[in-house]
Amino acid sequence: MEVFEGDARNILCEVVDKHHASLLVVGSHGHGAIKRAVIGSVSDYCAHHAHCSVMIVKKPKIKL
């Protein structure tokens, strides 16, 4: 197990390179476009900067 400190966006992309990963799986909080534009999105950043395929898993919708 490894523990890293820092900005999650950069750390995830660095670890992908370090371990020569072929797939990175990240979760999505499901924030709207405005909030995502203001604070940024780790999953969006990784999708554009990671040197491997990125799977973004969304939180399932709760049906009542």
PDB file of N, CA and C in Angstrom:
ATOM      1  N   MET A   1       0.849  -1.156   0.000  1.00  0.00           N
ATOM      2  CA  MET A   1       0.000   0.000   0.000  1.00  0.00           C
ATOM      3  C   MET A   1       0.902   1.229   0.000  1.00  0.00           C
ATOM      4  N   GLU A   2       0.454   2.243  -0.727  1.00  0.00           N
ATOM      5  CA  GLU A   2       1.175   3.513  -0.776  1.00  0.00           C
ATOM      6  C   GLU A   2       0.215   4.634  -0.414  1.00  0.00           C
ATOM      7  N   VAL A   3       0.741   5.647   0.246  1.00  0.00           N
ATOM      8  CA  VAL A   3      -0.051   6.822   0.612  1.00  0.00           C
ATOM      9  C   VAL A   3       0.646   8.041   0.029  1.00  0.00           C
ATOM     10  N   PHE A   4      -0.137   8.906  -0.602  1.00  0.00           N
ATOM     11  CA  PHE A   4       0.408  10.099  -1.225  1.00  0.00           C
ATOM     12  C   PHE A   4      -0.312  11.325  -0.691  1.00  0.00           C
ATOM     13  N   GLU A   5       0.384  12.438  -0.650  1.00  0.00           N
ATOM     14  CA  GLU A   5      -0.221  13.716  -0.284  1.00  0.00           C
ATOM     15  C   GLU A   5      -0.112  14.655  -1.459  1.00  0.00           C
ATOM     16  N   GLY A   6      -1.114  15.519  -1.602  1.00  0.00           N
ATOM     17  CA  GLY A   6      -1.076  16.516  -2.661  1.00  0.00           C
ATOM     18  C   GLY A   6      -2.400  16.588  -3.387  1.00  0.00           C
ATOM     19  N   ASP A   7      -2.376  17.314  -4.476  1.00  0.00           N
ATOM     20  CA  ASP A   7      -3.570  17.473  -5.305  1.00  0.00           C
ATOM     21  C   ASP A   7      -3.906  16.133  -5.963  1.00  0.00           C
ATOM     22  N   ALA A   8      -5.111  15.642  -5.737  1.00  0.00           N
ATOM     23  CA  ALA A   8      -5.514  14.329  -6.239  1.00  0.00           C
ATOM     24  C   ALA A   8      -5.336  14.212  -7.752  1.00  0.00           C
ATOM     25  N   ARG A   9      -5.607  15.283  -8.474  1.00  0.00           N
ATOM     26  CA  ARG A   9      -5.487  15.244  -9.939  1.00  0.00           C
ATOM     27  C   ARG A   9      -4.074  14.876 -10.364  1.00  0.00           C
ATOM     28  N   ASN A  10      -3.114  15.587  -9.800  1.00  0.00           N
ATOM     29  CA  ASN A  10      -1.720  15.350 -10.170  1.00  0.00           C
ATOM     30  C   ASN A  10      -1.213  14.015  -9.656  1.00  0.00           C
ATOM     31  N   ILE A  11      -1.566  13.680  -8.430  1.00  0.00           N
ATOM     32  CA  ILE A  11      -1.101  12.425  -7.837  1.00  0.00           C
ATOM     33  C   ILE A  11      -1.603  11.236  -8.644  1.00  0.00           C
ATOM     34  N   LEU A  12      -2.881  11.216  -8.987  1.00  0.00           N
ATOM     35  CA  LEU A  12      -3.426  10.095  -9.758  1.00  0.00           C
ATOM     36  C   LEU A  12      -2.721   9.928 -11.094  1.00  0.00           C
ATOM     37  N   CYS A  13      -2.491  11.022 -11.793  1.00  0.00           N
ATOM     38  CA  CYS A  13      -1.812  10.937 -13.089  1.00  0.00           C
ATOM     39  C   CYS A  13      -0.358  10.490 -12.930  1.00  0.00           C
ATOM     40  N   GLU A  14       0.321  10.927 -11.866  1.00  0.00           N
ATOM     41  CA  GLU A  14       1.696  10.501 -11.613  1.00  0.00           C
ATOM     42  C   GLU A  14       1.767   9.008 -11.284  1.00  0.00           C
ATOM     43  N   VAL A  15       0.815   8.527 -10.480  1.00  0.00           N
ATOM     44  CA  VAL A  15       0.807   7.111 -10.097  1.00  0.00           C
ATOM     45  C   VAL A  15       0.497   6.224 -11.311  1.00  0.00           C
ATOM     46  N   VAL A  16      -0.373   6.693 -12.183  1.00  0.00           N
ATOM     47  CA  VAL A  16      -0.651   5.959 -13.424  1.00  0.00           C
ATOM     48  C   VAL A  16       0.646   5.752 -14.203  1.00  0.00           C
ATOM     49  N   ASP A  17       1.433   6.809 -14.328  1.00  0.00           N
ATOM     50  CA  ASP A  17       2.703   6.706 -15.050  1.00  0.00           C
ATOM     51  C   ASP A  17       3.692   5.815 -14.306  1.00  0.00           C
ATOM     52  N   LYS A  18       3.774   5.987 -12.999  1.00  0.00           N
ATOM     53  CA  LYS A  18       4.735   5.225 -12.184  1.00  0.00           C
ATOM     54  C   LYS A  18       4.493   3.721 -12.294  1.00  0.00           C
ATOM     55  N   HIS A  19       3.229   3.318 -12.278  1.00  0.00           N
ATOM     56  CA  HIS A  19       2.895   1.888 -12.291  1.00  0.00           C
ATOM     57  C   HIS A  19       2.535   1.375 -13.688  1.00  0.00           C
ATOM     58  N   HIS A  20       2.675   2.215 -14.697  1.00  0.00           N
ATOM     59  CA  HIS A  20       2.359   1.838 -16.085  1.00  0.00           C
ATOM     60  C   HIS A  20       0.954   1.234 -16.186  1.00  0.00           C
ATOM     61  N   ALA A  21       0.007   1.880 -15.521  1.00  0.00           N
ATOM     62  CA  ALA A  21      -1.371   1.394 -15.491  1.00  0.00           C
ATOM     63  C   ALA A  21      -2.006   1.482 -16.879  1.00  0.00           C
ATOM     64  N   SER A  22      -2.888   0.549 -17.165  1.00  0.00           N
ATOM     65  CA  SER A  22      -3.608   0.590 -18.437  1.00  0.00           C
ATOM     66  C   SER A  22      -5.029   1.112 -18.253  1.00  0.00           C
ATOM     67  N   LEU A  23      -5.495   1.210 -16.988  1.00  0.00           N
ATOM     68  CA  LEU A  23      -6.834   1.710 -16.710  1.00  0.00           C
ATOM     69  C   LEU A  23      -6.856   2.402 -15.352  1.00  0.00           C
ATOM     70  N   LEU A  24      -7.480   3.565 -15.293  1.00  0.00           N
ATOM     71  CA  LEU A  24      -7.696   4.300 -14.053  1.00  0.00           C
ATOM     72  C   LEU A  24      -9.199   4.410 -13.849  1.00  0.00           C
ATOM     73  N   VAL A  25      -9.680   3.949 -12.699  1.00  0.00           N
ATOM     74  CA  VAL A  25     -11.108   4.024 -12.380  1.00  0.00           C
ATOM     75  C   VAL A  25     -11.284   5.071 -11.298  1.00  0.00           C
ATOM     76  N   VAL A  26     -12.110   6.082 -11.569  1.00  0.00           N
ATOM     77  CA  VAL A  26     -12.375   7.153 -10.608  1.00  0.00           C
ATOM     78  C   VAL A  26     -13.879   7.338 -10.482  1.00  0.00           C
ATOM     79  N   GLY A  27     -14.289   7.861  -9.343  1.00  0.00           N
ATOM     80  CA  GLY A  27     -15.699   8.135  -9.108  1.00  0.00           C
ATOM     81  C   GLY A  27     -16.058   9.553  -9.493  1.00  0.00           C
ATOM     82  N   SER A  28     -17.335   9.788  -9.634  1.00  0.00           N
ATOM     83  CA  SER A  28     -17.845  11.120  -9.959  1.00  0.00           C
ATOM     84  C   SER A  28     -18.867  11.518  -8.903  1.00  0.00           C
ATOM     85  N   HIS A  29     -18.761  12.743  -8.384  1.00  0.00           N
ATOM     86  CA  HIS A  29     -19.719  13.231  -7.407  1.00  0.00           C
ATOM     87  C   HIS A  29     -21.018  13.660  -8.068  1.00  0.00           C
ATOM     88  N   GLY A  30     -20.995  13.875  -9.364  1.00  0.00           N
ATOM     89  CA  GLY A  30     -22.203  14.289 -10.071  1.00  0.00           C
ATOM     90  C   GLY A  30     -22.538  15.757  -9.916  1.00  0.00           C
ATOM     91  N   HIS A  31     -21.521  16.601  -9.681  1.00  0.00           N
ATOM     92  CA  HIS A  31     -21.760  18.036  -9.580  1.00  0.00           C
ATOM     93  C   HIS A  31     -22.197  18.576 -10.933  1.00  0.00           C
ATOM     94  N   GLY A  32     -22.933  19.649 -10.907  1.00  0.00           N
ATOM     95  CA  GLY A  32     -23.395  20.278 -12.137  1.00  0.00           C
ATOM     96  C   GLY A  32     -22.258  20.968 -12.874  1.00  0.00           C
ATOM     97  N   ALA A  33     -22.529  21.406 -14.073  1.00  0.00           N
ATOM     98  CA  ALA A  33     -21.517  22.013 -14.932  1.00  0.00           C
ATOM     99  C   ALA A  33     -20.917  23.287 -14.327  1.00  0.00           C
ATOM    100  N   ILE A  34     -21.725  24.097 -13.667  1.00  0.00           N
ATOM    101  CA  ILE A  34     -21.219  25.361 -13.097  1.00  0.00           C
ATOM    102  C   ILE A  34     -20.260  25.083 -11.951  1.00  0.00           C
ATOM    103  N   LYS A  35     -20.660  24.219 -11.026  1.00  0.00           N
ATOM    104  CA  LYS A  35     -19.791  23.898  -9.893  1.00  0.00           C
ATOM    105  C   LYS A  35     -18.513  23.227 -10.373  1.00  0.00           C
ATOM    106  N   ARG A  36     -18.641  22.337 -11.350  1.00  0.00           N
ATOM    107  CA  ARG A  36     -17.475  21.641 -11.901  1.00  0.00           C
ATOM    108  C   ARG A  36     -16.516  22.637 -12.555  1.00  0.00           C
ATOM    109  N   ALA A  37     -17.058  23.670 -13.210  1.00  0.00           N
ATOM    110  CA  ALA A  37     -16.226  24.684 -13.862  1.00  0.00           C
ATOM    111  C   ALA A  37     -15.496  25.540 -12.838  1.00  0.00           C
ATOM    112  N   VAL A  38     -16.137  25.791 -11.697  1.00  0.00           N
ATOM    113  CA  VAL A  38     -15.537  26.643 -10.664  1.00  0.00           C
ATOM    114  C   VAL A  38     -14.475  25.889  -9.867  1.00  0.00           C
ATOM    115  N   ILE A  39     -14.812  24.702  -9.358  1.00  0.00           N
ATOM    116  CA  ILE A  39     -13.872  23.970  -8.496  1.00  0.00           C
ATOM    117  C   ILE A  39     -13.074  22.926  -9.250  1.00  0.00           C
ATOM    118  N   GLY A  40     -13.474  22.624 -10.467  1.00  0.00           N
ATOM    119  CA  GLY A  40     -12.771  21.610 -11.239  1.00  0.00           C
ATOM    120  C   GLY A  40     -13.241  20.219 -10.869  1.00  0.00           C
ATOM    121  N   SER A  41     -12.867  19.263 -11.657  1.00  0.00           N
ATOM    122  CA  SER A  41     -13.276  17.885 -11.443  1.00  0.00           C
ATOM    123  C   SER A  41     -12.051  16.998 -11.578  1.00  0.00           C
ATOM    124  N   VAL A  42     -11.803  16.195 -10.554  1.00  0.00           N
ATOM    125  CA  VAL A  42     -10.664  15.274 -10.594  1.00  0.00           C
ATOM    126  C   VAL A  42     -10.850  14.293 -11.744  1.00  0.00           C
ATOM    127  N   SER A  43     -12.061  13.748 -11.880  1.00  0.00           N
ATOM    128  CA  SER A  43     -12.296  12.767 -12.938  1.00  0.00           C
ATOM    129  C   SER A  43     -12.120  13.383 -14.324  1.00  0.00           C
ATOM    130  N   ASP A  44     -12.593  14.604 -14.513  1.00  0.00           N
ATOM    131  CA  ASP A  44     -12.439  15.287 -15.801  1.00  0.00           C
ATOM    132  C   ASP A  44     -10.965  15.555 -16.104  1.00  0.00           C
ATOM    133  N   TYR A  45     -10.226  15.998 -15.104  1.00  0.00           N
ATOM    134  CA  TYR A  45      -8.801  16.256 -15.281  1.00  0.00           C
ATOM    135  C   TYR A  45      -8.077  14.972 -15.684  1.00  0.00           C
ATOM    136  N   CYS A  46      -8.360  13.891 -14.962  1.00  0.00           N
ATOM    137  CA  CYS A  46      -7.697  12.617 -15.255  1.00  0.00           C
ATOM    138  C   CYS A  46      -8.056  12.107 -16.648  1.00  0.00           C
ATOM    139  N   ALA A  47      -9.321  12.294 -17.041  1.00  0.00           N
ATOM    140  CA  ALA A  47      -9.745  11.847 -18.369  1.00  0.00           C
ATOM    141  C   ALA A  47      -8.953  12.541 -19.468  1.00  0.00           C
ATOM    142  N   HIS A  48      -8.519  13.779 -19.218  1.00  0.00           N
ATOM    143  CA  HIS A  48      -7.784  14.532 -20.224  1.00  0.00           C
ATOM    144  C   HIS A  48      -6.268  14.439 -20.093  1.00  0.00           C
ATOM    145  N   HIS A  49      -5.755  14.061 -18.915  1.00  0.00           N
ATOM    146  CA  HIS A  49      -4.316  14.105 -18.702  1.00  0.00           C
ATOM    147  C   HIS A  49      -3.651  12.768 -18.391  1.00  0.00           C
ATOM    148  N   ALA A  50      -4.399  11.767 -17.963  1.00  0.00           N
ATOM    149  CA  ALA A  50      -3.800  10.469 -17.648  1.00  0.00           C
ATOM    150  C   ALA A  50      -3.363   9.777 -18.939  1.00  0.00           C
ATOM    151  N   HIS A  51      -2.248   9.074 -18.878  1.00  0.00           N
ATOM    152  CA  HIS A  51      -1.716   8.380 -20.049  1.00  0.00           C
ATOM    153  C   HIS A  51      -2.227   6.948 -20.124  1.00  0.00           C
ATOM    154  N   CYS A  52      -3.513   6.775 -19.836  1.00  0.00           N
ATOM    155  CA  CYS A  52      -4.159   5.471 -19.948  1.00  0.00           C
ATOM    156  C   CYS A  52      -5.660   5.721 -20.105  1.00  0.00           C
ATOM    157  N   SER A  53      -6.399   4.652 -20.281  1.00  0.00           N
ATOM    158  CA  SER A  53      -7.858   4.780 -20.337  1.00  0.00           C
ATOM    159  C   SER A  53      -8.375   5.138 -18.956  1.00  0.00           C
ATOM    160  N   VAL A  54      -9.452   5.930 -18.920  1.00  0.00           N
ATOM    161  CA  VAL A  54     -10.049   6.345 -17.651  1.00  0.00           C
ATOM    162  C   VAL A  54     -11.530   5.979 -17.666  1.00  0.00           C
ATOM    163  N   MET A  55     -11.959   5.248 -16.623  1.00  0.00           N
ATOM    164  CA  MET A  55     -13.365   4.904 -16.464  1.00  0.00           C
ATOM    165  C   MET A  55     -13.917   5.753 -15.324  1.00  0.00           C
ATOM    166  N   ILE A  56     -14.949   6.543 -15.620  1.00  0.00           N
ATOM    167  CA  ILE A  56     -15.580   7.386 -14.607  1.00  0.00           C
ATOM    168  C   ILE A  56     -16.881   6.727 -14.193  1.00  0.00           C
ATOM    169  N   VAL A  57     -16.959   6.370 -12.911  1.00  0.00           N
ATOM    170  CA  VAL A  57     -18.127   5.667 -12.381  1.00  0.00           C
ATOM    171  C   VAL A  57     -19.009   6.667 -11.647  1.00  0.00           C
ATOM    172  N   LYS A  58     -20.237   6.760 -12.084  1.00  0.00           N
ATOM    173  CA  LYS A  58     -21.178   7.699 -11.451  1.00  0.00           C
ATOM    174  C   LYS A  58     -21.956   7.014 -10.340  1.00  0.00           C
ATOM    175  N   LYS A  59     -22.363   7.807  -9.360  1.00  0.00           N
ATOM    176  CA  LYS A  59     -23.182   7.325  -8.271  1.00  0.00           C
ATOM    177  C   LYS A  59     -24.556   6.927  -8.830  1.00  0.00           C
ATOM    178  N   PRO A  60     -25.055   5.743  -8.475  1.00  0.00           N
ATOM    179  CA  PRO A  60     -26.361   5.341  -9.020  1.00  0.00           C
ATOM    180  C   PRO A  60     -27.490   6.218  -8.475  1.00  0.00           C
ATOM    181  N   LYS A  61     -28.486   6.439  -9.308  1.00  0.00           N
ATOM    182  CA  LYS A  61     -29.658   7.198  -8.895  1.00  0.00           C
ATOM    183  C   LYS A  61     -30.522   6.326  -7.997  1.00  0.00           C
ATOM    184  N   ILE A  62     -31.037   6.930  -6.939  1.00  0.00           N
ATOM    185  CA  ILE A  62     -31.901   6.199  -6.014  1.00  0.00           C
ATOM    186  C   ILE A  62     -33.336   6.315  -6.499  1.00  0.00           C
ATOM    187  N   LYS A  63     -33.972   5.176  -6.692  1.00  0.00           N
ATOM    188  CA  LYS A  63     -35.371   5.165  -7.127  1.00  0.00           C
ATOM    189  C   LYS A  63     -36.250   4.893  -5.922  1.00  0.00           C
ATOM    190  N   LEU A  64     -37.212   5.750  -5.720  1.00  0.00           N
ATOM    191  CA  LEU A  64     -38.149   5.580  -4.595  1.00  0.00           C
ATOM    192  C   LEU A  64     -39.458   5.041  -5.048  1.00  0.00           C
TER     193      LEU A  64
END
